Amino acid sequence: MWFRWLLMLNAVVGAGCSKVVDAPIHGTIDVSPATVKSSASAQLTVLSPQLTIPGLNRQRTVRIYVPPGYATSTKRYPVLYMHDGQNLFDNATAYAGEWGVDEALDELAQSQGLELIVVGIDNGGVQRMTELNAWDNSRFGKGEGKLYMDFIVDVVKPLVDASYRTLPEREHTGVMGSSMGGLISHYAILQYPKVFSKAGIFSPAYWPGPEVFSMTATQAPAADARLAVYMGGAEGDQAVDDYQRMVTQLKSQSHPGSNLWFKLTPGALHNEGAWRSEFAQAVSWMFMPGK
């Protein structure tokens, strides 16, 4: 297990970066300057008060982005649920730079007419490695991923659907994340087929939850589910091998090729900058099949 983790760490350290990938503290250390100007758009709202995760009794911040025209329209919108909410919209809260989700979607709304509501659920800091894993792990502890996903499905989604003009049906609902967030997004598209029909699985950390391979084999994605699976070529041999193994497995299960999007970017590392670079292309494919 340590060897696998070191492979992922080497992909970052070897490029001169000092941040540890998916250690238990990932996303909780402030490595930014003391004062960082907020880069969040005006379309972002941080819900208050925080929500409670049933079964875990933990408070969690939820951040919601709406499209630029939301306030002046009566339209209803598809919704994308994303993990590690601190890192999605704002440099002032991000661990290692933000994804730029709000900026990317502002541009996609203008250039392609793709308008989404994005719900970002903050990670649990030191609990991140267990909350984003549905399976027990000898190093990190008992998997809490089902409780975490039940929180999104049974608490967050009903609140969002009641408070915002959403298209709540599964065909308009997606889930997306990177690293451990990629692992739990893969789990979500299998475990909740009546809730999600799209999954963005970026740089998935399959190594703490290898059971995902057997789950995919016995509980294949719904035929109409759209899976966007991305990996950086410099994320470490184990990560790339696991990505390629999953690509082969999904293809062998006869999942419709039109509903699979795979991308391996040579030289790309395991970080928010890489995920930011791939986000717009992946989310456009997920939600705009005809384009």
C-alpha atoms as a PDB file:
ATOM      1  CA  MET A   1       0.000   0.000   0.000  1.00  0.00           C
ATOM      2  CA  TRP A   2       2.798   2.380   0.867  1.00  0.00           C
ATOM      3  CA  PHE A   3       4.469   1.565  -2.438  1.00  0.00           C
ATOM      4  CA  ARG A   4       1.358   2.512  -4.367  1.00  0.00           C
ATOM      5  CA  TRP A   5       1.058   5.775  -2.477  1.00  0.00           C
ATOM      6  CA  LEU A   6       4.710   6.585  -3.100  1.00  0.00           C
ATOM      7  CA  LEU A   7       4.232   6.108  -6.836  1.00  0.00           C
ATOM      8  CA  MET A   8       1.520   8.742  -6.787  1.00  0.00           C
ATOM      9  CA  LEU A   9       3.610  11.018  -4.593  1.00  0.00           C
ATOM     10  CA  ASN A  10       6.601  10.703  -6.929  1.00  0.00           C
ATOM     11  CA  ALA A  11       4.509  11.954  -9.819  1.00  0.00           C
ATOM     12  CA  VAL A  12       4.137  15.239  -7.952  1.00  0.00           C
ATOM     13  CA  VAL A  13       7.424  15.580  -6.131  1.00  0.00           C
ATOM     14  CA  GLY A  14       9.339  14.651  -9.275  1.00  0.00           C
ATOM     15  CA  ALA A  15       7.961  17.755 -10.928  1.00  0.00           C
ATOM     16  CA  GLY A  16       9.193  19.997  -8.152  1.00  0.00           C
ATOM     17  CA  CYS A  17       5.907  20.188  -6.264  1.00  0.00           C
ATOM     18  CA  SER A  18       5.912  19.650  -2.515  1.00  0.00           C
ATOM     19  CA  LYS A  19       2.237  18.788  -2.081  1.00  0.00           C
ATOM     20  CA  VAL A  20       1.336  15.252  -1.001  1.00  0.00           C
ATOM     21  CA  VAL A  21      -1.277  13.566  -3.167  1.00  0.00           C
ATOM     22  CA  ASP A  22      -4.136  11.922  -1.293  1.00  0.00           C
ATOM     23  CA  ALA A  23      -2.430  11.674   2.039  1.00  0.00           C
ATOM     24  CA  PRO A  24      -5.020  11.839   4.826  1.00  0.00           C
ATOM     25  CA  ILE A  25      -4.376  15.581   5.136  1.00  0.00           C
ATOM     26  CA  HIS A  26      -4.871  16.309   1.431  1.00  0.00           C
ATOM     27  CA  GLY A  27      -6.905  19.457   1.066  1.00  0.00           C
ATOM     28  CA  THR A  28      -6.527  20.615   4.665  1.00  0.00           C
ATOM     29  CA  ILE A  29      -3.118  22.320   4.799  1.00  0.00           C
ATOM     30  CA  ASP A  30      -3.065  25.968   3.822  1.00  0.00           C
ATOM     31  CA  VAL A  31      -0.106  26.287   1.479  1.00  0.00           C
ATOM     32  CA  SER A  32      -1.277  29.581   0.022  1.00  0.00           C
ATOM     33  CA  PRO A  33      -0.051  33.056   0.936  1.00  0.00           C
ATOM     34  CA  ALA A  34      -1.559  34.499   4.100  1.00  0.00           C
ATOM     35  CA  THR A  35      -3.963  36.672   2.115  1.00  0.00           C
ATOM     36  CA  VAL A  36      -5.448  35.344  -1.105  1.00  0.00           C
ATOM     37  CA  LYS A  37      -8.012  37.366  -2.999  1.00  0.00           C
ATOM     38  CA  SER A  38     -11.230  35.525  -3.711  1.00  0.00           C
ATOM     39  CA  SER A  39     -11.628  34.454  -7.330  1.00  0.00           C
ATOM     40  CA  ALA A  40     -15.185  33.139  -6.980  1.00  0.00           C
ATOM     41  CA  SER A  41     -17.791  34.498  -9.371  1.00  0.00           C
ATOM     42  CA  ALA A  42     -20.902  36.389  -8.328  1.00  0.00           C
ATOM     43  CA  GLN A  43     -22.954  33.321  -9.240  1.00  0.00           C
ATOM     44  CA  LEU A  44     -21.554  31.351  -6.301  1.00  0.00           C
ATOM     45  CA  THR A  45     -23.448  30.947  -3.014  1.00  0.00           C
ATOM     46  CA  VAL A  46     -22.162  29.263   0.139  1.00  0.00           C
ATOM     47  CA  LEU A  47     -25.061  27.701   1.989  1.00  0.00           C
ATOM     48  CA  SER A  48     -25.512  28.684   5.615  1.00  0.00           C
ATOM     49  CA  PRO A  49     -25.804  26.997   8.007  1.00  0.00           C
ATOM     50  CA  GLN A  50     -23.698  23.976   7.153  1.00  0.00           C
ATOM     51  CA  LEU A  51     -25.486  20.680   6.579  1.00  0.00           C
ATOM     52  CA  THR A  52     -25.130  17.620   8.799  1.00  0.00           C
ATOM     53  CA  ILE A  53     -24.100  14.255   7.370  1.00  0.00           C
ATOM     54  CA  PRO A  54     -26.453  11.656   8.900  1.00  0.00           C
ATOM     55  CA  GLY A  55     -24.667   8.699  10.440  1.00  0.00           C
ATOM     56  CA  LEU A  56     -21.403  10.644  10.698  1.00  0.00           C
ATOM     57  CA  ASN A  57     -22.654  13.663  12.648  1.00  0.00           C
ATOM     58  CA  ARG A  58     -20.287  15.983  10.779  1.00  0.00           C
ATOM     59  CA  GLN A  59     -21.006  19.462   9.511  1.00  0.00           C
ATOM     60  CA  ARG A  60     -20.303  20.158   5.878  1.00  0.00           C
ATOM     61  CA  THR A  61     -20.131  23.293   3.749  1.00  0.00           C
ATOM     62  CA  VAL A  62     -21.969  23.221   0.418  1.00  0.00           C
ATOM     63  CA  ARG A  63     -21.242  25.703  -2.394  1.00  0.00           C
ATOM     64  CA  ILE A  64     -23.662  26.303  -5.275  1.00  0.00           C
ATOM     65  CA  TYR A  65     -22.927  27.873  -8.657  1.00  0.00           C
ATOM     66  CA  VAL A  66     -25.761  28.976 -10.940  1.00  0.00           C
ATOM     67  CA  PRO A  67     -25.456  30.016 -14.608  1.00  0.00           C
ATOM     68  CA  PRO A  68     -25.043  33.699 -15.499  1.00  0.00           C
ATOM     69  CA  GLY A  69     -28.639  34.061 -16.666  1.00  0.00           C
ATOM     70  CA  TYR A  70     -30.239  32.278 -13.745  1.00  0.00           C
ATOM     71  CA  ALA A  71     -31.583  35.372 -11.945  1.00  0.00           C
ATOM     72  CA  THR A  72     -33.318  36.758 -15.028  1.00  0.00           C
ATOM     73  CA  SER A  73     -34.770  33.526 -16.420  1.00  0.00           C
ATOM     74  CA  THR A  74     -37.460  31.017 -15.520  1.00  0.00           C
ATOM     75  CA  LYS A  75     -35.580  28.060 -16.960  1.00  0.00           C
ATOM     76  CA  ARG A  76     -34.748  24.858 -15.140  1.00  0.00           C
ATOM     77  CA  TYR A  77     -31.187  23.549 -15.285  1.00  0.00           C
ATOM     78  CA  PRO A  78     -29.242  20.269 -15.138  1.00  0.00           C
ATOM     79  CA  VAL A  79     -27.175  19.761 -11.998  1.00  0.00           C
ATOM     80  CA  LEU A  80     -23.640  18.484 -11.486  1.00  0.00           C
ATOM     81  CA  TYR A  81     -22.616  17.374  -7.989  1.00  0.00           C
ATOM     82  CA  MET A  82     -18.888  17.690  -7.328  1.00  0.00           C
ATOM     83  CA  HIS A  83     -16.589  16.718  -4.454  1.00  0.00           C
ATOM     84  CA  ASP A  84     -13.793  18.728  -2.774  1.00  0.00           C
ATOM     85  CA  GLY A  85     -15.880  21.882  -3.006  1.00  0.00           C
ATOM     86  CA  GLN A  86     -13.111  24.037  -1.509  1.00  0.00           C
ATOM     87  CA  ASN A  87     -11.047  23.520  -4.661  1.00  0.00           C
ATOM     88  CA  LEU A  88     -13.649  24.130  -7.353  1.00  0.00           C
ATOM     89  CA  PHE A  89     -14.427  27.846  -7.470  1.00  0.00           C
ATOM     90  CA  ASP A  90     -12.130  30.000  -5.374  1.00  0.00           C
ATOM     91  CA  ASN A  91      -8.370  30.379  -4.948  1.00  0.00           C
ATOM     92  CA  ALA A  92      -8.972  31.707  -1.431  1.00  0.00           C
ATOM     93  CA  THR A  93     -10.309  28.329  -0.257  1.00  0.00           C
ATOM     94  CA  ALA A  94      -8.450  25.983  -2.622  1.00  0.00           C
ATOM     95  CA  TYR A  95      -5.739  23.621  -1.419  1.00  0.00           C
ATOM     96  CA  ALA A  96      -3.524  23.784  -4.495  1.00  0.00           C
ATOM     97  CA  GLY A  97      -5.246  26.131  -6.908  1.00  0.00           C
ATOM     98  CA  GLU A  98      -8.852  25.976  -8.043  1.00  0.00           C
ATOM     99  CA  TRP A  99     -10.507  24.100 -10.911  1.00  0.00           C
ATOM    100  CA  GLY A 100     -12.049  27.306 -12.277  1.00  0.00           C
ATOM    101  CA  VAL A 101     -15.437  25.612 -12.584  1.00  0.00           C
ATOM    102  CA  ASP A 102     -17.361  28.883 -12.460  1.00  0.00           C
ATOM    103  CA  GLU A 103     -15.193  30.592 -15.074  1.00  0.00           C
ATOM    104  CA  ALA A 104     -15.304  27.554 -17.355  1.00  0.00           C
ATOM    105  CA  LEU A 105     -19.079  27.282 -17.167  1.00  0.00           C
ATOM    106  CA  ASP A 106     -19.559  31.025 -17.670  1.00  0.00           C
ATOM    107  CA  GLU A 107     -17.611  30.633 -20.920  1.00  0.00           C
ATOM    108  CA  LEU A 108     -19.457  27.462 -21.967  1.00  0.00           C
ATOM    109  CA  ALA A 109     -22.801  29.184 -21.379  1.00  0.00           C
ATOM    110  CA  GLN A 110     -21.768  31.896 -23.790  1.00  0.00           C
ATOM    111  CA  SER A 111     -19.987  29.782 -26.410  1.00  0.00           C
ATOM    112  CA  GLN A 112     -22.048  26.575 -26.406  1.00  0.00           C
ATOM    113  CA  GLY A 113     -25.223  27.389 -24.544  1.00  0.00           C
ATOM    114  CA  LEU A 114     -24.343  24.844 -21.849  1.00  0.00           C
ATOM    115  CA  GLU A 115     -25.891  26.060 -18.603  1.00  0.00           C
ATOM    116  CA  LEU A 116     -25.490  24.018 -15.425  1.00  0.00           C
ATOM    117  CA  ILE A 117     -26.006  24.340 -11.729  1.00  0.00           C
ATOM    118  CA  VAL A 118     -22.969  22.944  -9.896  1.00  0.00           C
ATOM    119  CA  VAL A 119     -23.165  21.824  -6.279  1.00  0.00           C
ATOM    120  CA  GLY A 120     -19.767  21.533  -4.586  1.00  0.00           C
ATOM    121  CA  ILE A 121     -19.584  19.527  -1.366  1.00  0.00           C
ATOM    122  CA  ASP A 122     -16.526  20.365   0.725  1.00  0.00           C
ATOM    123  CA  ASN A 123     -14.244  17.504   1.732  1.00  0.00           C
ATOM    124  CA  GLY A 124     -13.917  16.476   5.363  1.00  0.00           C
ATOM    125  CA  GLY A 125     -10.254  17.271   5.816  1.00  0.00           C
ATOM    126  CA  VAL A 126      -8.720  14.462   7.832  1.00  0.00           C
ATOM    127  CA  GLN A 127     -11.772  12.295   7.068  1.00  0.00           C
ATOM    128  CA  ARG A 128     -11.389  12.711   3.312  1.00  0.00           C
ATOM    129  CA  MET A 129      -9.754   9.323   2.739  1.00  0.00           C
ATOM    130  CA  THR A 130     -12.601   7.479   4.443  1.00  0.00           C
ATOM    131  CA  GLU A 131     -15.523   9.659   3.379  1.00  0.00           C
ATOM    132  CA  LEU A 132     -14.629   9.325  -0.293  1.00  0.00           C
ATOM    133  CA  ASN A 133     -14.076   5.556  -0.131  1.00  0.00           C
ATOM    134  CA  ALA A 134     -16.991   3.135  -0.008  1.00  0.00           C
ATOM    135  CA  TRP A 135     -14.730   0.298   1.136  1.00  0.00           C
ATOM    136  CA  ASP A 136     -12.707  -0.355   4.277  1.00  0.00           C
ATOM    137  CA  ASN A 137      -8.977   0.182   3.935  1.00  0.00           C
ATOM    138  CA  SER A 138      -6.344  -1.305   6.229  1.00  0.00           C
ATOM    139  CA  ARG A 139      -4.353   1.933   6.320  1.00  0.00           C
ATOM    140  CA  PHE A 140      -7.055   4.594   6.446  1.00  0.00           C
ATOM    141  CA  GLY A 141      -9.908   2.843   8.233  1.00  0.00           C
ATOM    142  CA  LYS A 142     -13.553   2.026   7.710  1.00  0.00           C
ATOM    143  CA  GLY A 143     -15.029   3.268   4.456  1.00  0.00           C
ATOM    144  CA  GLU A 144     -17.678   5.957   4.892  1.00  0.00           C
ATOM    145  CA  GLY A 145     -18.419   6.518   1.231  1.00  0.00           C
ATOM    146  CA  LYS A 146     -21.937   5.125   1.314  1.00  0.00           C
ATOM    147  CA  LEU A 147     -22.916   7.423   4.184  1.00  0.00           C
ATOM    148  CA  TYR A 148     -21.318  10.354   2.362  1.00  0.00           C
ATOM    149  CA  MET A 149     -23.129   9.581  -0.895  1.00  0.00           C
ATOM    150  CA  ASP A 150     -26.407   8.967   0.934  1.00  0.00           C
ATOM    151  CA  PHE A 151     -25.954  12.467   2.362  1.00  0.00           C
ATOM    152  CA  ILE A 152     -25.682  13.890  -1.158  1.00  0.00           C
ATOM    153  CA  VAL A 153     -28.600  11.839  -2.479  1.00  0.00           C
ATOM    154  CA  ASP A 154     -30.956  12.101   0.498  1.00  0.00           C
ATOM    155  CA  VAL A 155     -30.083  15.493   2.017  1.00  0.00           C
ATOM    156  CA  VAL A 156     -28.238  17.761  -0.415  1.00  0.00           C
ATOM    157  CA  LYS A 157     -30.091  16.910  -3.622  1.00  0.00           C
ATOM    158  CA  PRO A 158     -33.619  17.294  -2.175  1.00  0.00           C
ATOM    159  CA  LEU A 159     -32.616  20.643  -0.670  1.00  0.00           C
ATOM    160  CA  VAL A 160     -31.136  21.865  -3.964  1.00  0.00           C
ATOM    161  CA  ASP A 161     -34.134  20.654  -5.973  1.00  0.00           C
ATOM    162  CA  ALA A 162     -36.502  22.424  -3.564  1.00  0.00           C
ATOM    163  CA  SER A 163     -34.526  25.675  -3.483  1.00  0.00           C
ATOM    164  CA  TYR A 164     -33.344  26.062  -7.081  1.00  0.00           C
ATOM    165  CA  ARG A 165     -34.883  25.644 -10.523  1.00  0.00           C
ATOM    166  CA  THR A 166     -33.360  22.281 -11.317  1.00  0.00           C
ATOM    167  CA  LEU A 167     -34.100  19.484 -13.725  1.00  0.00           C
ATOM    168  CA  PRO A 168     -34.119  16.807 -11.009  1.00  0.00           C
ATOM    169  CA  GLU A 169     -34.432  13.697 -13.168  1.00  0.00           C
ATOM    170  CA  ARG A 170     -31.482  11.320 -13.489  1.00  0.00           C
ATOM    171  CA  GLU A 171     -30.953  12.153 -17.161  1.00  0.00           C
ATOM    172  CA  HIS A 172     -30.090  15.713 -16.104  1.00  0.00           C
ATOM    173  CA  THR A 173     -27.989  14.852 -13.051  1.00  0.00           C
ATOM    174  CA  GLY A 174     -24.263  14.106 -12.893  1.00  0.00           C
ATOM    175  CA  VAL A 175     -21.507  13.519 -10.348  1.00  0.00           C
ATOM    176  CA  MET A 176     -17.838  14.413 -10.723  1.00  0.00           C
ATOM    177  CA  GLY A 177     -14.572  14.512  -8.836  1.00  0.00           C
ATOM    178  CA  SER A 178     -10.862  13.879  -8.935  1.00  0.00           C
ATOM    179  CA  SER A 179      -8.537  11.469  -7.156  1.00  0.00           C
ATOM    180  CA  MET A 180     -10.551  10.121  -4.202  1.00  0.00           C
ATOM    181  CA  GLY A 181     -13.396  12.169  -5.663  1.00  0.00           C
ATOM    182  CA  GLY A 182     -12.951  10.176  -8.862  1.00  0.00           C
ATOM    183  CA  LEU A 183     -13.204   6.929  -6.915  1.00  0.00           C
ATOM    184  CA  ILE A 184     -16.432   7.936  -5.153  1.00  0.00           C
ATOM    185  CA  SER A 185     -17.900   9.283  -8.413  1.00  0.00           C
ATOM    186  CA  HIS A 186     -17.274   5.902 -10.040  1.00  0.00           C
ATOM    187  CA  TYR A 187     -18.982   4.240  -7.079  1.00  0.00           C
ATOM    188  CA  ALA A 188     -21.901   6.691  -7.308  1.00  0.00           C
ATOM    189  CA  ILE A 189     -22.702   5.998 -10.972  1.00  0.00           C
ATOM    190  CA  LEU A 190     -22.930   2.277 -10.116  1.00  0.00           C
ATOM    191  CA  GLN A 191     -24.672   2.489  -6.739  1.00  0.00           C
ATOM    192  CA  TYR A 192     -27.242   5.175  -7.582  1.00  0.00           C
ATOM    193  CA  PRO A 193     -28.326   4.534 -11.190  1.00  0.00           C
ATOM    194  CA  LYS A 194     -31.742   6.091 -10.527  1.00  0.00           C
ATOM    195  CA  VAL A 195     -30.105   9.354  -9.401  1.00  0.00           C
ATOM    196  CA  PHE A 196     -27.077   9.898 -11.681  1.00  0.00           C
ATOM    197  CA  SER A 197     -26.707   9.275 -15.407  1.00  0.00           C
ATOM    198  CA  LYS A 198     -23.316  10.979 -15.863  1.00  0.00           C
ATOM    199  CA  ALA A 199     -19.991  10.671 -14.072  1.00  0.00           C
ATOM    200  CA  GLY A 200     -16.773  12.634 -14.433  1.00  0.00           C
ATOM    201  CA  ILE A 201     -14.042  10.348 -13.077  1.00  0.00           C
ATOM    202  CA  PHE A 202     -10.812  12.343 -13.043  1.00  0.00           C
ATOM    203  CA  SER A 203      -7.479  10.823 -11.984  1.00  0.00           C
ATOM    204  CA  PRO A 204      -9.338   8.151 -10.009  1.00  0.00           C
ATOM    205  CA  ALA A 205      -7.522   6.864  -6.912  1.00  0.00           C
ATOM    206  CA  TYR A 206      -8.542   3.242  -7.396  1.00  0.00           C
ATOM    207  CA  TRP A 207      -5.733   1.934  -5.175  1.00  0.00           C
ATOM    208  CA  PRO A 208      -7.421   2.568  -1.777  1.00  0.00           C
ATOM    209  CA  GLY A 209     -10.633   0.961  -3.097  1.00  0.00           C
ATOM    210  CA  PRO A 210      -9.687  -1.766  -5.589  1.00  0.00           C
ATOM    211  CA  GLU A 211     -13.086  -3.352  -4.944  1.00  0.00           C
ATOM    212  CA  VAL A 212     -14.404  -0.886  -7.528  1.00  0.00           C
ATOM    213  CA  PHE A 213     -13.177  -3.261 -10.255  1.00  0.00           C
ATOM    214  CA  SER A 214     -15.267  -6.173  -9.025  1.00  0.00           C
ATOM    215  CA  MET A 215     -18.230  -3.875  -8.399  1.00  0.00           C
ATOM    216  CA  THR A 216     -18.024  -2.621 -11.990  1.00  0.00           C
ATOM    217  CA  ALA A 217     -17.899  -6.228 -13.202  1.00  0.00           C
ATOM    218  CA  THR A 218     -20.982  -7.339 -11.260  1.00  0.00           C
ATOM    219  CA  GLN A 219     -22.942  -4.071 -11.217  1.00  0.00           C
ATOM    220  CA  ALA A 220     -22.169  -2.526 -14.602  1.00  0.00           C
ATOM    221  CA  PRO A 221     -23.154   1.077 -15.369  1.00  0.00           C
ATOM    222  CA  ALA A 222     -26.587   1.604 -16.897  1.00  0.00           C
ATOM    223  CA  ALA A 223     -26.371   1.427 -20.676  1.00  0.00           C
ATOM    224  CA  ASP A 224     -27.208   5.129 -21.058  1.00  0.00           C
ATOM    225  CA  ALA A 225     -24.770   6.272 -18.354  1.00  0.00           C
ATOM    226  CA  ARG A 226     -22.065   8.563 -19.684  1.00  0.00           C
ATOM    227  CA  LEU A 227     -18.637   8.060 -18.089  1.00  0.00           C
ATOM    228  CA  ALA A 228     -15.813  10.527 -18.676  1.00  0.00           C
ATOM    229  CA  VAL A 229     -12.608   8.956 -17.343  1.00  0.00           C
ATOM    230  CA  TYR A 230      -9.401  11.022 -17.364  1.00  0.00           C
ATOM    231  CA  MET A 231      -5.836  10.328 -16.244  1.00  0.00           C
ATOM    232  CA  GLY A 232      -2.573  12.250 -16.442  1.00  0.00           C
ATOM    233  CA  GLY A 233       0.319  10.301 -17.886  1.00  0.00           C
ATOM    234  CA  ALA A 234       2.734  11.462 -15.164  1.00  0.00           C
ATOM    235  CA  GLU A 235       0.567  10.508 -12.169  1.00  0.00           C
ATOM    236  CA  GLY A 236       2.566   7.357 -11.471  1.00  0.00           C
ATOM    237  CA  ASP A 237       2.728   3.852 -12.914  1.00  0.00           C
ATOM    238  CA  GLN A 238       0.123   2.427 -10.530  1.00  0.00           C
ATOM    239  CA  ALA A 239      -2.423   5.157 -11.279  1.00  0.00           C
ATOM    240  CA  VAL A 240      -1.959   4.850 -15.044  1.00  0.00           C
ATOM    241  CA  ASP A 241      -2.082   1.037 -14.914  1.00  0.00           C
ATOM    242  CA  ASP A 242      -5.314   1.147 -12.907  1.00  0.00           C
ATOM    243  CA  TYR A 243      -6.804   3.635 -15.362  1.00  0.00           C
ATOM    244  CA  GLN A 244      -5.919   1.424 -18.305  1.00  0.00           C
ATOM    245  CA  ARG A 245      -7.288  -1.621 -16.497  1.00  0.00           C
ATOM    246  CA  MET A 246     -10.631   0.152 -15.982  1.00  0.00           C
ATOM    247  CA  VAL A 247     -10.735   1.336 -19.600  1.00  0.00           C
ATOM    248  CA  THR A 248     -10.234  -2.246 -20.764  1.00  0.00           C
ATOM    249  CA  GLN A 249     -12.850  -3.530 -18.341  1.00  0.00           C
ATOM    250  CA  LEU A 250     -15.521  -1.019 -19.369  1.00  0.00           C
ATOM    251  CA  LYS A 251     -14.916  -1.667 -23.047  1.00  0.00           C
ATOM    252  CA  SER A 252     -15.083  -5.439 -22.524  1.00  0.00           C
ATOM    253  CA  GLN A 253     -18.469  -5.084 -20.810  1.00  0.00           C
ATOM    254  CA  SER A 254     -19.965  -3.801 -24.060  1.00  0.00           C
ATOM    255  CA  HIS A 255     -20.903  -0.445 -22.604  1.00  0.00           C
ATOM    256  CA  PRO A 256     -21.909   1.687 -25.618  1.00  0.00           C
ATOM    257  CA  GLY A 257     -18.832   3.380 -27.006  1.00  0.00           C
ATOM    258  CA  SER A 258     -20.772   6.601 -27.528  1.00  0.00           C
ATOM    259  CA  ASN A 259     -21.253   6.784 -23.750  1.00  0.00           C
ATOM    260  CA  LEU A 260     -17.570   6.408 -22.867  1.00  0.00           C
ATOM    261  CA  TRP A 261     -14.994   9.216 -22.952  1.00  0.00           C
ATOM    262  CA  PHE A 262     -11.425   8.266 -22.121  1.00  0.00           C
ATOM    263  CA  LYS A 263      -8.432  10.576 -22.102  1.00  0.00           C
ATOM    264  CA  LEU A 264      -4.840  10.008 -21.020  1.00  0.00           C
ATOM    265  CA  THR A 265      -2.835  13.238 -21.245  1.00  0.00           C
ATOM    266  CA  PRO A 266       0.932  12.602 -21.524  1.00  0.00           C
ATOM    267  CA  GLY A 267       3.000  14.482 -18.961  1.00  0.00           C
ATOM    268  CA  ALA A 268       0.011  15.697 -16.937  1.00  0.00           C
ATOM    269  CA  LEU A 269       0.350  15.524 -13.154  1.00  0.00           C
ATOM    270  CA  HIS A 270      -2.080  14.808 -10.336  1.00  0.00           C
ATOM    271  CA  ASN A 271      -3.207  18.344  -9.553  1.00  0.00           C
ATOM    272  CA  GLU A 272      -5.942  20.935  -9.899  1.00  0.00           C
ATOM    273  CA  GLY A 273      -4.222  22.612 -12.835  1.00  0.00           C
ATOM    274  CA  ALA A 274      -4.503  19.443 -14.908  1.00  0.00           C
ATOM    275  CA  TRP A 275      -8.133  18.913 -13.931  1.00  0.00           C
ATOM    276  CA  ARG A 276      -8.940  22.526 -14.747  1.00  0.00           C
ATOM    277  CA  SER A 277      -7.487  22.019 -18.230  1.00  0.00           C
ATOM    278  CA  GLU A 278      -9.742  19.031 -18.924  1.00  0.00           C
ATOM    279  CA  PHE A 279     -12.932  20.108 -17.169  1.00  0.00           C
ATOM    280  CA  ALA A 280     -14.657  22.063 -19.944  1.00  0.00           C
ATOM    281  CA  GLN A 281     -14.183  19.357 -22.571  1.00  0.00           C
ATOM    282  CA  ALA A 282     -15.378  16.594 -20.269  1.00  0.00           C
ATOM    283  CA  VAL A 283     -18.408  18.402 -18.871  1.00  0.00           C
ATOM    284  CA  SER A 284     -19.483  19.508 -22.337  1.00  0.00           C
ATOM    285  CA  TRP A 285     -19.371  15.889 -23.528  1.00  0.00           C
ATOM    286  CA  MET A 286     -21.259  14.705 -20.440  1.00  0.00           C
ATOM    287  CA  PHE A 287     -24.153  17.136 -20.755  1.00  0.00           C
ATOM    288  CA  MET A 288     -24.273  17.908 -24.488  1.00  0.00           C
ATOM    289  CA  PRO A 289     -24.209  14.525 -26.266  1.00  0.00           C
ATOM    290  CA  GLY A 290     -25.089  15.989 -29.647  1.00  0.00           C
ATOM    291  CA  LYS A 291     -22.126  18.369 -29.760  1.00  0.00           C
END
